[in-house]
Amino acid sequence: MDDLSMDSLQPEDVAAWRQRWQEGNTPWNLGQPAPELVAVLSSWRTAGRALVPGCGHGHEVSLLQDLGWDAVGLDVAPEALAVARQRDPRPQWHCGDILNPPLTWQATFDLVLEHTCFCALPPRCRQTYGQAVTNLLRPGGTFLGLFWCHSRPDGPPFGSTPEELKLCFSRTLGLITLRQAQRSVEERCGEEWLGHWQKP
């Protein structure tokens, strides 16, 4: 198996996520948009085409749709997307892998919104994820992410540090801000970081 395939999701990775959704073993699922993202996005006055990778039940996708974005939710688990579609039929829901997105999506998004996708991916895939995000954004497009920076071993959710986030995304995107979240849910207080990058 070559290095490129190792940096991609494997069939066993996808099967594991499908099983989690089938069994309802989704403790990361807040059942609502993350409060930090609600506050930040509600203060923005611009909208366009937006993608939420690893969207699950799609609460952030619905938030973007409510705020006037043309929102697309992407997930590898059709079980999660079935609930998302039933809950909110307005956005576009797409079953697929963020590490291997449709070629027609390249440079078509004004915003890629990250929440619990980065921490769900095997750490070996992170550089591939960073490049995929860059490729999907239009020039001048925005990458906004709420990241789970914890030091617990194993995962998912796999932990990270602010320094690792900079290494992953600031190679190809311009860093605007990276700070600790101010409105985390109680069980994630002190562990969430908000990152904002822009594609040149």
N, C-alpha and C. Protein backbone atom coordinates (compact mmCIF):
# COMPACT_ATOMS: atom_id res chain seq x y z
N MET A 1 0.85 -1.19 0.00
CA MET A 1 0.00 0.00 0.00
C MET A 1 0.89 1.24 0.00
N ASP A 2 0.64 2.16 -0.92
CA ASP A 2 1.51 3.33 -0.99
C ASP A 2 1.12 4.38 0.03
N ASP A 3 1.98 5.41 0.17
CA ASP A 3 1.76 6.43 1.18
C ASP A 3 0.47 7.19 0.94
N LEU A 4 0.12 7.42 -0.35
CA LEU A 4 -1.08 8.18 -0.65
C LEU A 4 -2.31 7.46 -0.13
N SER A 5 -2.38 6.15 -0.33
CA SER A 5 -3.54 5.41 0.14
C SER A 5 -3.59 5.38 1.66
N MET A 6 -2.44 5.35 2.31
CA MET A 6 -2.42 5.36 3.77
C MET A 6 -2.95 6.69 4.31
N ASP A 7 -2.82 7.79 3.54
CA ASP A 7 -3.28 9.09 3.97
C ASP A 7 -4.77 9.30 3.70
N SER A 8 -5.42 8.31 3.13
CA SER A 8 -6.84 8.39 2.83
C SER A 8 -7.64 7.52 3.79
N LEU A 9 -8.94 7.74 3.83
CA LEU A 9 -9.79 6.87 4.62
C LEU A 9 -9.82 5.48 3.99
N GLN A 10 -9.72 4.47 4.83
CA GLN A 10 -9.78 3.09 4.38
C GLN A 10 -11.20 2.55 4.56
N PRO A 11 -11.56 1.48 3.85
CA PRO A 11 -12.92 0.92 4.01
C PRO A 11 -13.27 0.62 5.46
N GLU A 12 -12.28 0.18 6.24
CA GLU A 12 -12.57 -0.12 7.64
C GLU A 12 -12.86 1.14 8.44
N ASP A 13 -12.25 2.28 8.05
CA ASP A 13 -12.56 3.55 8.71
C ASP A 13 -14.02 3.94 8.47
N VAL A 14 -14.43 3.86 7.21
CA VAL A 14 -15.80 4.21 6.85
C VAL A 14 -16.78 3.27 7.54
N ALA A 15 -16.48 1.97 7.56
CA ALA A 15 -17.36 0.98 8.20
C ALA A 15 -17.53 1.29 9.69
N ALA A 16 -16.43 1.70 10.33
CA ALA A 16 -16.50 2.01 11.76
C ALA A 16 -17.41 3.20 12.03
N TRP A 17 -17.32 4.22 11.17
CA TRP A 17 -18.18 5.39 11.36
C TRP A 17 -19.63 5.05 11.06
N ARG A 18 -19.90 4.25 10.06
CA ARG A 18 -21.27 3.86 9.76
C ARG A 18 -21.86 3.07 10.94
N GLN A 19 -21.05 2.21 11.53
CA GLN A 19 -21.53 1.43 12.67
C GLN A 19 -21.85 2.33 13.85
N ARG A 20 -21.03 3.35 14.08
CA ARG A 20 -21.31 4.28 15.18
C ARG A 20 -22.67 4.95 15.00
N TRP A 21 -22.94 5.42 13.78
CA TRP A 21 -24.22 6.08 13.53
C TRP A 21 -25.38 5.10 13.61
N GLN A 22 -25.18 3.89 13.14
CA GLN A 22 -26.23 2.88 13.22
C GLN A 22 -26.59 2.57 14.66
N GLU A 23 -25.58 2.53 15.52
CA GLU A 23 -25.80 2.17 16.93
C GLU A 23 -26.14 3.38 17.80
N GLY A 24 -26.06 4.59 17.23
CA GLY A 24 -26.28 5.79 18.04
C GLY A 24 -25.13 6.07 18.98
N ASN A 25 -23.95 5.53 18.68
CA ASN A 25 -22.76 5.73 19.51
C ASN A 25 -22.05 6.99 19.05
N THR A 26 -22.67 8.14 19.32
CA THR A 26 -22.17 9.42 18.81
C THR A 26 -22.13 10.46 19.94
N PRO A 27 -21.30 10.24 20.96
CA PRO A 27 -21.30 11.14 22.11
C PRO A 27 -20.84 12.56 21.78
N TRP A 28 -20.19 12.75 20.65
CA TRP A 28 -19.75 14.10 20.26
C TRP A 28 -20.91 14.93 19.70
N ASN A 29 -22.00 14.29 19.35
CA ASN A 29 -23.11 14.96 18.68
C ASN A 29 -23.87 15.83 19.70
N LEU A 30 -23.77 17.14 19.55
CA LEU A 30 -24.40 18.05 20.50
C LEU A 30 -25.91 18.17 20.31
N GLY A 31 -26.41 17.77 19.14
CA GLY A 31 -27.82 17.95 18.86
C GLY A 31 -28.21 19.38 18.56
N GLN A 32 -27.22 20.21 18.32
CA GLN A 32 -27.41 21.64 18.01
C GLN A 32 -26.10 22.16 17.44
N PRO A 33 -26.11 23.33 16.78
CA PRO A 33 -24.84 23.91 16.33
C PRO A 33 -23.98 24.29 17.53
N ALA A 34 -22.68 24.22 17.37
CA ALA A 34 -21.77 24.62 18.45
C ALA A 34 -21.98 26.10 18.77
N PRO A 35 -22.15 26.46 20.05
CA PRO A 35 -22.42 27.85 20.41
C PRO A 35 -21.39 28.84 19.89
N GLU A 36 -20.12 28.45 19.89
CA GLU A 36 -19.07 29.36 19.40
C GLU A 36 -19.29 29.68 17.92
N LEU A 37 -19.65 28.68 17.13
CA LEU A 37 -19.87 28.90 15.71
C LEU A 37 -21.13 29.71 15.46
N VAL A 38 -22.16 29.50 16.26
CA VAL A 38 -23.37 30.31 16.14
C VAL A 38 -23.04 31.78 16.33
N ALA A 39 -22.27 32.09 17.38
CA ALA A 39 -21.93 33.47 17.68
C ALA A 39 -21.09 34.10 16.58
N VAL A 40 -20.07 33.39 16.11
CA VAL A 40 -19.17 33.95 15.11
C VAL A 40 -19.89 34.13 13.78
N LEU A 41 -20.56 33.09 13.31
CA LEU A 41 -21.20 33.16 11.99
C LEU A 41 -22.36 34.14 11.97
N SER A 42 -23.06 34.29 13.08
CA SER A 42 -24.18 35.22 13.13
C SER A 42 -23.73 36.67 13.03
N SER A 43 -22.44 36.91 13.34
CA SER A 43 -21.92 38.28 13.26
C SER A 43 -21.40 38.62 11.87
N TRP A 44 -21.29 37.62 11.00
CA TRP A 44 -20.81 37.86 9.64
C TRP A 44 -21.94 38.39 8.78
N ARG A 45 -21.60 39.22 7.82
CA ARG A 45 -22.62 39.80 6.95
C ARG A 45 -22.53 39.25 5.53
N THR A 46 -21.58 38.39 5.27
CA THR A 46 -21.41 37.84 3.93
C THR A 46 -21.91 36.41 3.88
N ALA A 47 -22.30 35.97 2.70
CA ALA A 47 -22.72 34.59 2.51
C ALA A 47 -22.33 34.16 1.10
N GLY A 48 -22.44 32.89 0.83
CA GLY A 48 -22.08 32.34 -0.46
C GLY A 48 -22.30 30.84 -0.40
N ARG A 49 -21.42 30.08 -1.03
CA ARG A 49 -21.52 28.62 -1.02
C ARG A 49 -20.63 28.07 0.09
N ALA A 50 -21.19 27.22 0.93
CA ALA A 50 -20.46 26.74 2.11
C ALA A 50 -20.54 25.23 2.21
N LEU A 51 -19.46 24.62 2.67
CA LEU A 51 -19.37 23.17 2.87
C LEU A 51 -19.06 22.87 4.32
N VAL A 52 -19.77 21.87 4.87
CA VAL A 52 -19.46 21.35 6.20
C VAL A 52 -19.06 19.89 6.05
N PRO A 53 -17.76 19.57 6.11
CA PRO A 53 -17.33 18.17 5.99
C PRO A 53 -17.56 17.42 7.29
N GLY A 54 -17.86 16.12 7.16
CA GLY A 54 -18.13 15.32 8.35
C GLY A 54 -19.30 15.89 9.12
N CYS A 55 -20.38 16.23 8.41
CA CYS A 55 -21.46 17.03 9.00
C CYS A 55 -22.37 16.26 9.93
N GLY A 56 -22.36 14.91 9.89
CA GLY A 56 -23.24 14.15 10.77
C GLY A 56 -24.70 14.50 10.53
N HIS A 57 -25.40 14.85 11.60
CA HIS A 57 -26.81 15.23 11.49
C HIS A 57 -27.01 16.64 10.94
N GLY A 58 -25.92 17.35 10.72
CA GLY A 58 -25.99 18.57 9.93
C GLY A 58 -26.48 19.81 10.63
N HIS A 59 -26.27 19.93 11.93
CA HIS A 59 -26.77 21.12 12.64
C HIS A 59 -26.06 22.39 12.18
N GLU A 60 -24.76 22.30 11.92
CA GLU A 60 -24.06 23.49 11.41
C GLU A 60 -24.47 23.81 9.97
N VAL A 61 -24.80 22.78 9.21
CA VAL A 61 -25.28 23.00 7.84
C VAL A 61 -26.59 23.79 7.88
N SER A 62 -27.49 23.41 8.75
CA SER A 62 -28.75 24.13 8.88
C SER A 62 -28.53 25.56 9.37
N LEU A 63 -27.59 25.73 10.28
CA LEU A 63 -27.25 27.08 10.75
C LEU A 63 -26.83 27.96 9.57
N LEU A 64 -25.94 27.45 8.74
CA LEU A 64 -25.49 28.22 7.58
C LEU A 64 -26.65 28.53 6.64
N GLN A 65 -27.51 27.55 6.41
CA GLN A 65 -28.66 27.76 5.55
C GLN A 65 -29.56 28.87 6.12
N ASP A 66 -29.77 28.84 7.43
CA ASP A 66 -30.58 29.87 8.09
C ASP A 66 -29.97 31.27 7.92
N LEU A 67 -28.65 31.33 7.85
CA LEU A 67 -27.95 32.61 7.75
C LEU A 67 -27.77 33.08 6.32
N GLY A 68 -28.35 32.35 5.36
CA GLY A 68 -28.34 32.80 3.98
C GLY A 68 -27.30 32.17 3.10
N TRP A 69 -26.56 31.19 3.60
CA TRP A 69 -25.57 30.49 2.79
C TRP A 69 -26.24 29.41 1.95
N ASP A 70 -25.63 29.09 0.83
CA ASP A 70 -25.99 27.91 0.02
C ASP A 70 -25.17 26.77 0.60
N ALA A 71 -25.77 26.00 1.51
CA ALA A 71 -25.01 25.08 2.35
C ALA A 71 -25.03 23.66 1.81
N VAL A 72 -23.87 23.00 1.93
CA VAL A 72 -23.69 21.61 1.52
C VAL A 72 -23.14 20.84 2.70
N GLY A 73 -23.79 19.72 3.05
CA GLY A 73 -23.29 18.85 4.09
C GLY A 73 -22.70 17.58 3.48
N LEU A 74 -21.53 17.19 3.97
CA LEU A 74 -20.81 16.02 3.45
C LEU A 74 -20.50 15.07 4.58
N ASP A 75 -20.78 13.78 4.38
CA ASP A 75 -20.44 12.79 5.40
C ASP A 75 -20.28 11.43 4.72
N VAL A 76 -19.46 10.57 5.33
CA VAL A 76 -19.25 9.22 4.78
C VAL A 76 -20.37 8.27 5.18
N ALA A 77 -21.18 8.66 6.16
CA ALA A 77 -22.19 7.75 6.70
C ALA A 77 -23.58 8.11 6.18
N PRO A 78 -24.15 7.30 5.30
CA PRO A 78 -25.51 7.59 4.83
C PRO A 78 -26.53 7.56 5.95
N GLU A 79 -26.24 6.82 7.01
CA GLU A 79 -27.15 6.77 8.16
C GLU A 79 -27.29 8.14 8.81
N ALA A 80 -26.19 8.86 8.93
CA ALA A 80 -26.24 10.22 9.49
C ALA A 80 -26.97 11.16 8.56
N LEU A 81 -26.70 11.04 7.27
CA LEU A 81 -27.31 11.94 6.30
C LEU A 81 -28.81 11.72 6.17
N ALA A 82 -29.27 10.49 6.37
CA ALA A 82 -30.70 10.22 6.31
C ALA A 82 -31.44 11.01 7.39
N VAL A 83 -30.86 11.07 8.57
CA VAL A 83 -31.45 11.87 9.65
C VAL A 83 -31.37 13.35 9.32
N ALA A 84 -30.22 13.77 8.77
CA ALA A 84 -30.06 15.18 8.41
C ALA A 84 -31.10 15.61 7.38
N ARG A 85 -31.31 14.79 6.36
CA ARG A 85 -32.29 15.13 5.31
C ARG A 85 -33.71 15.21 5.88
N GLN A 86 -34.03 14.28 6.76
CA GLN A 86 -35.36 14.28 7.34
C GLN A 86 -35.55 15.51 8.24
N ARG A 87 -34.50 15.87 8.95
CA ARG A 87 -34.57 17.02 9.86
C ARG A 87 -34.65 18.34 9.11
N ASP A 88 -33.92 18.44 7.99
CA ASP A 88 -33.88 19.69 7.24
C ASP A 88 -33.65 19.38 5.76
N PRO A 89 -34.69 19.45 4.94
CA PRO A 89 -34.53 19.11 3.52
C PRO A 89 -33.94 20.23 2.67
N ARG A 90 -33.68 21.39 3.23
CA ARG A 90 -33.25 22.53 2.42
C ARG A 90 -31.84 22.43 1.86
N PRO A 91 -30.84 22.07 2.67
CA PRO A 91 -29.47 22.05 2.13
C PRO A 91 -29.26 20.90 1.16
N GLN A 92 -28.10 20.91 0.52
CA GLN A 92 -27.67 19.77 -0.30
C GLN A 92 -26.89 18.83 0.60
N TRP A 93 -27.29 17.57 0.63
CA TRP A 93 -26.60 16.55 1.44
C TRP A 93 -25.90 15.59 0.49
N HIS A 94 -24.62 15.32 0.77
CA HIS A 94 -23.81 14.52 -0.14
C HIS A 94 -23.05 13.47 0.66
N CYS A 95 -23.15 12.21 0.24
CA CYS A 95 -22.41 11.13 0.89
C CYS A 95 -21.07 10.97 0.18
N GLY A 96 -19.99 11.16 0.90
CA GLY A 96 -18.67 11.05 0.30
C GLY A 96 -17.58 11.35 1.30
N ASP A 97 -16.36 11.33 0.82
CA ASP A 97 -15.15 11.44 1.64
C ASP A 97 -14.50 12.80 1.38
N ILE A 98 -14.31 13.58 2.42
CA ILE A 98 -13.68 14.90 2.28
C ILE A 98 -12.26 14.78 1.74
N LEU A 99 -11.61 13.65 1.95
CA LEU A 99 -10.25 13.47 1.46
C LEU A 99 -10.21 13.14 -0.04
N ASN A 100 -11.37 12.84 -0.60
CA ASN A 100 -11.47 12.54 -2.03
C ASN A 100 -12.78 13.13 -2.57
N PRO A 101 -12.90 14.46 -2.54
CA PRO A 101 -14.17 15.09 -2.93
C PRO A 101 -14.35 15.11 -4.45
N PRO A 102 -15.56 15.35 -4.92
CA PRO A 102 -15.79 15.42 -6.37
C PRO A 102 -14.91 16.49 -7.02
N LEU A 103 -14.37 16.18 -8.17
CA LEU A 103 -13.52 17.13 -8.87
C LEU A 103 -14.27 18.42 -9.22
N THR A 104 -15.57 18.29 -9.43
CA THR A 104 -16.37 19.48 -9.78
C THR A 104 -16.51 20.45 -8.62
N TRP A 105 -16.12 20.03 -7.43
CA TRP A 105 -16.19 20.92 -6.27
C TRP A 105 -14.94 21.79 -6.11
N GLN A 106 -13.90 21.50 -6.84
CA GLN A 106 -12.64 22.22 -6.65
C GLN A 106 -12.84 23.72 -6.86
N ALA A 107 -12.36 24.52 -5.89
CA ALA A 107 -12.39 25.98 -5.95
C ALA A 107 -13.80 26.53 -6.17
N THR A 108 -14.80 25.92 -5.52
CA THR A 108 -16.19 26.38 -5.68
C THR A 108 -16.82 26.85 -4.38
N PHE A 109 -16.12 26.78 -3.26
CA PHE A 109 -16.72 27.14 -1.98
C PHE A 109 -16.12 28.45 -1.43
N ASP A 110 -17.01 29.29 -0.92
CA ASP A 110 -16.59 30.52 -0.25
C ASP A 110 -16.21 30.26 1.20
N LEU A 111 -16.74 29.18 1.75
CA LEU A 111 -16.49 28.84 3.16
C LEU A 111 -16.45 27.33 3.30
N VAL A 112 -15.45 26.83 4.01
CA VAL A 112 -15.46 25.46 4.53
C VAL A 112 -15.49 25.59 6.04
N LEU A 113 -16.50 24.97 6.65
CA LEU A 113 -16.72 25.07 8.10
C LEU A 113 -16.40 23.74 8.75
N GLU A 114 -15.44 23.75 9.65
CA GLU A 114 -14.96 22.55 10.33
C GLU A 114 -15.52 22.47 11.75
N HIS A 115 -16.11 21.32 12.07
CA HIS A 115 -16.50 21.04 13.45
C HIS A 115 -16.57 19.53 13.65
N THR A 116 -15.64 18.98 14.38
CA THR A 116 -15.52 17.56 14.74
C THR A 116 -15.23 16.64 13.56
N CYS A 117 -14.80 17.17 12.42
CA CYS A 117 -14.32 16.32 11.33
C CYS A 117 -12.82 16.06 11.50
N PHE A 118 -12.07 17.12 11.75
CA PHE A 118 -10.62 17.01 11.91
C PHE A 118 -10.28 16.02 13.02
N CYS A 119 -10.98 16.09 14.16
CA CYS A 119 -10.67 15.21 15.29
C CYS A 119 -11.17 13.79 15.07
N ALA A 120 -12.07 13.61 14.09
CA ALA A 120 -12.58 12.27 13.79
C ALA A 120 -11.65 11.50 12.85
N LEU A 121 -10.89 12.23 12.04
CA LEU A 121 -10.01 11.59 11.07
C LEU A 121 -8.80 10.97 11.76
N PRO A 122 -8.33 9.83 11.27
CA PRO A 122 -7.05 9.32 11.77
C PRO A 122 -5.97 10.39 11.59
N PRO A 123 -5.13 10.62 12.58
CA PRO A 123 -4.13 11.69 12.46
C PRO A 123 -3.27 11.61 11.21
N ARG A 124 -3.07 10.41 10.65
CA ARG A 124 -2.27 10.28 9.43
C ARG A 124 -2.89 11.05 8.26
N CYS A 125 -4.18 11.35 8.35
CA CYS A 125 -4.91 11.98 7.25
C CYS A 125 -4.93 13.50 7.33
N ARG A 126 -4.33 14.08 8.33
CA ARG A 126 -4.54 15.51 8.57
C ARG A 126 -3.95 16.39 7.48
N GLN A 127 -2.77 16.08 6.99
CA GLN A 127 -2.20 16.90 5.93
C GLN A 127 -3.04 16.80 4.65
N THR A 128 -3.56 15.60 4.37
CA THR A 128 -4.43 15.43 3.21
C THR A 128 -5.70 16.26 3.38
N TYR A 129 -6.23 16.29 4.59
CA TYR A 129 -7.41 17.10 4.88
C TYR A 129 -7.13 18.57 4.65
N GLY A 130 -6.00 19.04 5.15
CA GLY A 130 -5.63 20.44 4.96
C GLY A 130 -5.53 20.81 3.49
N GLN A 131 -4.96 19.92 2.67
CA GLN A 131 -4.85 20.20 1.25
C GLN A 131 -6.21 20.15 0.57
N ALA A 132 -7.06 19.23 1.00
CA ALA A 132 -8.40 19.13 0.42
C ALA A 132 -9.20 20.40 0.68
N VAL A 133 -9.12 20.91 1.90
CA VAL A 133 -9.82 22.16 2.24
C VAL A 133 -9.34 23.29 1.35
N THR A 134 -8.04 23.40 1.20
CA THR A 134 -7.46 24.45 0.36
C THR A 134 -7.96 24.34 -1.07
N ASN A 135 -7.97 23.13 -1.60
CA ASN A 135 -8.39 22.93 -2.99
C ASN A 135 -9.86 23.26 -3.20
N LEU A 136 -10.68 23.04 -2.19
CA LEU A 136 -12.12 23.27 -2.33
C LEU A 136 -12.50 24.75 -2.27
N LEU A 137 -11.65 25.55 -1.63
CA LEU A 137 -11.96 26.97 -1.47
C LEU A 137 -11.66 27.77 -2.73
N ARG A 138 -12.51 28.74 -3.00
CA ARG A 138 -12.21 29.72 -4.03
C ARG A 138 -11.09 30.63 -3.53
N PRO A 139 -10.35 31.28 -4.43
CA PRO A 139 -9.40 32.30 -3.98
C PRO A 139 -10.13 33.35 -3.14
N GLY A 140 -9.57 33.65 -1.98
CA GLY A 140 -10.22 34.56 -1.06
C GLY A 140 -11.21 33.89 -0.14
N GLY A 141 -11.42 32.57 -0.32
CA GLY A 141 -12.37 31.84 0.51
C GLY A 141 -11.88 31.65 1.93
N THR A 142 -12.81 31.31 2.82
CA THR A 142 -12.55 31.23 4.26
C THR A 142 -12.64 29.80 4.76
N PHE A 143 -11.70 29.43 5.61
CA PHE A 143 -11.77 28.18 6.37
C PHE A 143 -11.94 28.56 7.83
N LEU A 144 -13.06 28.17 8.40
CA LEU A 144 -13.35 28.44 9.81
C LEU A 144 -13.53 27.12 10.51
N GLY A 145 -12.82 26.93 11.62
CA GLY A 145 -12.89 25.65 12.31
C GLY A 145 -12.95 25.79 13.81
N LEU A 146 -13.73 24.92 14.43
CA LEU A 146 -13.74 24.79 15.88
C LEU A 146 -13.12 23.43 16.19
N PHE A 147 -11.95 23.46 16.81
CA PHE A 147 -11.12 22.27 16.97
C PHE A 147 -11.09 21.81 18.42
N TRP A 148 -11.01 20.48 18.58
CA TRP A 148 -10.97 19.87 19.90
C TRP A 148 -9.51 19.63 20.27
N CYS A 149 -8.93 20.53 21.03
CA CYS A 149 -7.52 20.44 21.42
C CYS A 149 -7.42 19.85 22.82
N HIS A 150 -7.33 18.54 22.89
CA HIS A 150 -7.18 17.86 24.17
C HIS A 150 -5.95 16.96 24.09
N SER A 151 -5.49 16.51 25.26
CA SER A 151 -4.27 15.70 25.33
C SER A 151 -4.54 14.25 25.70
N ARG A 152 -5.80 13.83 25.67
CA ARG A 152 -6.11 12.44 26.01
C ARG A 152 -5.60 11.51 24.90
N PRO A 153 -5.13 10.32 25.27
CA PRO A 153 -4.59 9.41 24.25
C PRO A 153 -5.71 8.80 23.41
N ASP A 154 -5.31 8.37 22.25
CA ASP A 154 -6.21 7.65 21.35
C ASP A 154 -7.38 8.53 20.90
N GLY A 155 -8.37 7.93 20.34
CA GLY A 155 -9.51 8.63 19.80
C GLY A 155 -10.29 7.69 18.90
N PRO A 156 -11.28 8.16 18.21
CA PRO A 156 -11.72 9.55 18.16
C PRO A 156 -12.53 9.95 19.40
N PRO A 157 -12.56 11.24 19.72
CA PRO A 157 -11.90 12.34 19.01
C PRO A 157 -10.40 12.36 19.29
N PHE A 158 -9.61 12.47 18.22
CA PHE A 158 -8.16 12.56 18.35
C PHE A 158 -7.78 14.01 18.69
N GLY A 159 -6.98 14.15 19.72
CA GLY A 159 -6.59 15.48 20.16
C GLY A 159 -5.58 16.14 19.24
N SER A 160 -5.39 17.43 19.45
CA SER A 160 -4.40 18.19 18.69
C SER A 160 -3.99 19.37 19.55
N THR A 161 -3.07 20.16 19.05
CA THR A 161 -2.63 21.39 19.73
C THR A 161 -2.74 22.55 18.76
N PRO A 162 -2.80 23.77 19.27
CA PRO A 162 -2.80 24.93 18.37
C PRO A 162 -1.60 24.93 17.42
N GLU A 163 -0.45 24.48 17.92
CA GLU A 163 0.73 24.44 17.07
C GLU A 163 0.55 23.46 15.91
N GLU A 164 -0.07 22.32 16.18
CA GLU A 164 -0.33 21.35 15.11
C GLU A 164 -1.32 21.91 14.09
N LEU A 165 -2.31 22.66 14.56
CA LEU A 165 -3.27 23.27 13.64
C LEU A 165 -2.57 24.25 12.71
N LYS A 166 -1.66 25.03 13.25
CA LYS A 166 -0.91 25.97 12.41
C LYS A 166 -0.09 25.23 11.36
N LEU A 167 0.56 24.14 11.78
CA LEU A 167 1.38 23.38 10.85
C LEU A 167 0.52 22.78 9.74
N CYS A 168 -0.67 22.34 10.09
CA CYS A 168 -1.52 21.66 9.13
C CYS A 168 -2.12 22.61 8.10
N PHE A 169 -2.60 23.78 8.55
CA PHE A 169 -3.38 24.64 7.66
C PHE A 169 -2.65 25.90 7.19
N SER A 170 -1.66 26.34 7.92
CA SER A 170 -1.02 27.61 7.56
C SER A 170 0.04 27.47 6.48
N ARG A 171 0.26 26.24 6.00
CA ARG A 171 1.18 26.06 4.87
C ARG A 171 0.57 26.60 3.59
N THR A 172 -0.75 26.44 3.45
CA THR A 172 -1.41 26.82 2.20
C THR A 172 -2.47 27.90 2.38
N LEU A 173 -2.81 28.22 3.63
CA LEU A 173 -3.82 29.23 3.91
C LEU A 173 -3.23 30.29 4.83
N GLY A 174 -3.72 31.50 4.71
CA GLY A 174 -3.25 32.59 5.56
C GLY A 174 -4.02 32.62 6.87
N LEU A 175 -3.31 32.55 7.99
CA LEU A 175 -3.95 32.53 9.30
C LEU A 175 -4.44 33.93 9.66
N ILE A 176 -5.74 34.02 9.99
CA ILE A 176 -6.34 35.28 10.46
C ILE A 176 -6.32 35.31 11.98
N THR A 177 -6.84 34.25 12.60
CA THR A 177 -6.84 34.18 14.06
C THR A 177 -6.93 32.73 14.51
N LEU A 178 -6.33 32.46 15.66
CA LEU A 178 -6.42 31.16 16.30
C LEU A 178 -6.44 31.42 17.80
N ARG A 179 -7.58 31.15 18.42
CA ARG A 179 -7.76 31.49 19.83
C ARG A 179 -8.64 30.46 20.52
N GLN A 180 -8.56 30.45 21.84
CA GLN A 180 -9.42 29.56 22.60
C GLN A 180 -10.87 30.02 22.47
N ALA A 181 -11.77 29.05 22.33
CA ALA A 181 -13.19 29.37 22.20
C ALA A 181 -13.71 30.00 23.49
N GLN A 182 -14.67 30.88 23.34
CA GLN A 182 -15.23 31.61 24.48
C GLN A 182 -16.61 31.11 24.89
N ARG A 183 -17.22 30.26 24.07
CA ARG A 183 -18.61 29.84 24.32
C ARG A 183 -18.76 28.33 24.17
N SER A 184 -17.86 27.57 24.73
CA SER A 184 -17.92 26.12 24.62
C SER A 184 -19.03 25.55 25.51
N VAL A 185 -19.57 24.39 25.10
CA VAL A 185 -20.44 23.66 26.01
C VAL A 185 -19.60 23.20 27.19
N GLU A 186 -20.28 22.94 28.31
CA GLU A 186 -19.58 22.73 29.59
C GLU A 186 -18.51 21.66 29.51
N GLU A 187 -18.83 20.53 28.86
CA GLU A 187 -17.88 19.41 28.86
C GLU A 187 -16.67 19.65 27.96
N ARG A 188 -16.67 20.74 27.20
CA ARG A 188 -15.52 21.03 26.33
C ARG A 188 -14.83 22.34 26.69
N CYS A 189 -15.22 22.94 27.79
CA CYS A 189 -14.60 24.21 28.19
C CYS A 189 -13.09 24.05 28.34
N GLY A 190 -12.36 24.96 27.74
CA GLY A 190 -10.90 24.94 27.81
C GLY A 190 -10.25 24.05 26.78
N GLU A 191 -11.03 23.29 26.02
CA GLU A 191 -10.47 22.35 25.05
C GLU A 191 -10.76 22.72 23.60
N GLU A 192 -11.60 23.71 23.37
CA GLU A 192 -11.94 24.09 22.00
C GLU A 192 -11.18 25.35 21.58
N TRP A 193 -10.68 25.30 20.35
CA TRP A 193 -9.98 26.45 19.77
C TRP A 193 -10.66 26.81 18.45
N LEU A 194 -10.81 28.10 18.23
CA LEU A 194 -11.40 28.60 17.00
C LEU A 194 -10.28 29.08 16.07
N GLY A 195 -10.27 28.55 14.85
CA GLY A 195 -9.28 28.95 13.86
C GLY A 195 -9.95 29.56 12.63
N HIS A 196 -9.35 30.59 12.10
CA HIS A 196 -9.88 31.30 10.94
C HIS A 196 -8.73 31.54 9.97
N TRP A 197 -8.85 30.95 8.77
CA TRP A 197 -7.84 31.10 7.73
C TRP A 197 -8.49 31.61 6.46
N GLN A 198 -7.68 32.14 5.56
CA GLN A 198 -8.18 32.61 4.27
C GLN A 198 -7.25 32.12 3.17
N LYS A 199 -7.86 31.69 2.06
CA LYS A 199 -7.07 31.25 0.92
C LYS A 199 -6.60 32.47 0.13
N PRO A 200 -5.33 32.55 -0.21
CA PRO A 200 -4.81 33.69 -0.98
C PRO A 200 -5.54 33.85 -2.31
